[in-house]
């Protein structure tokens, strides 16, 4: 049976999100809730110039 995990207010913290996802069981379903961008240190992701 697949487990469902809800993650709220990521706020651009992609490093922390990656660390969290690595700790979840392989067949997990992830539901993102709340704000995905706008406050964290990596809100817009990698920037190329």
Protein backbone atom coordinates (compact mmCIF):
# COMPACT_ATOMS: atom_id res chain seq x y z
CA UNK A 1 0.00 0.00 0.00
CA UNK A 2 1.30 3.46 -0.94
CA UNK A 3 1.52 6.02 1.80
CA UNK A 4 0.44 9.59 1.18
CA UNK A 5 2.42 12.47 2.68
CA UNK A 6 1.20 16.07 2.67
CA UNK A 7 3.92 18.73 2.74
CA UNK A 8 2.89 22.32 3.40
CA UNK A 9 4.51 25.69 2.81
CA UNK A 10 7.72 24.70 1.04
CA UNK A 11 8.49 28.42 0.60
CA UNK A 12 11.38 27.86 -1.80
CA UNK A 13 13.40 25.66 0.57
CA UNK A 14 14.38 23.16 -2.12
CA UNK A 15 17.37 21.69 -0.25
CA UNK A 16 15.25 20.86 2.79
CA UNK A 17 12.49 19.48 0.54
CA UNK A 18 14.99 17.19 -1.20
CA UNK A 19 16.27 15.97 2.18
CA UNK A 20 12.73 15.25 3.33
CA UNK A 21 11.79 13.40 0.15
CA UNK A 22 14.88 11.19 0.45
CA UNK A 23 13.62 10.02 3.85
CA UNK A 24 10.19 8.95 2.60
CA UNK A 25 9.41 5.37 1.54
CA UNK A 26 10.08 4.70 -2.16
CA UNK A 27 6.46 4.30 -3.27
CA UNK A 28 5.15 7.37 -1.45
CA UNK A 29 2.70 9.79 -2.95
CA UNK A 30 3.47 13.42 -2.09
CA UNK A 31 0.87 16.18 -2.01
CA UNK A 32 2.21 19.75 -1.80
CA UNK A 33 0.01 22.23 0.06
CA UNK A 34 0.40 25.93 0.71
CA UNK A 35 3.04 28.26 -0.69
CA UNK A 36 5.69 26.71 -2.92
CA UNK A 37 7.78 29.84 -3.56
CA UNK A 38 8.39 33.38 -2.34
CA UNK A 39 10.31 33.27 0.95
CA UNK A 40 13.02 30.63 1.12
CA UNK A 41 16.67 30.89 0.11
CA UNK A 42 16.06 29.14 -3.23
CA UNK A 43 12.61 30.43 -4.08
CA UNK A 44 13.13 30.58 -7.82
CA UNK A 45 15.50 27.64 -8.12
CA UNK A 46 18.92 27.71 -9.80
CA UNK A 47 19.53 30.94 -11.66
CA UNK A 48 21.48 31.02 -14.90
CA UNK A 49 22.72 34.28 -16.36
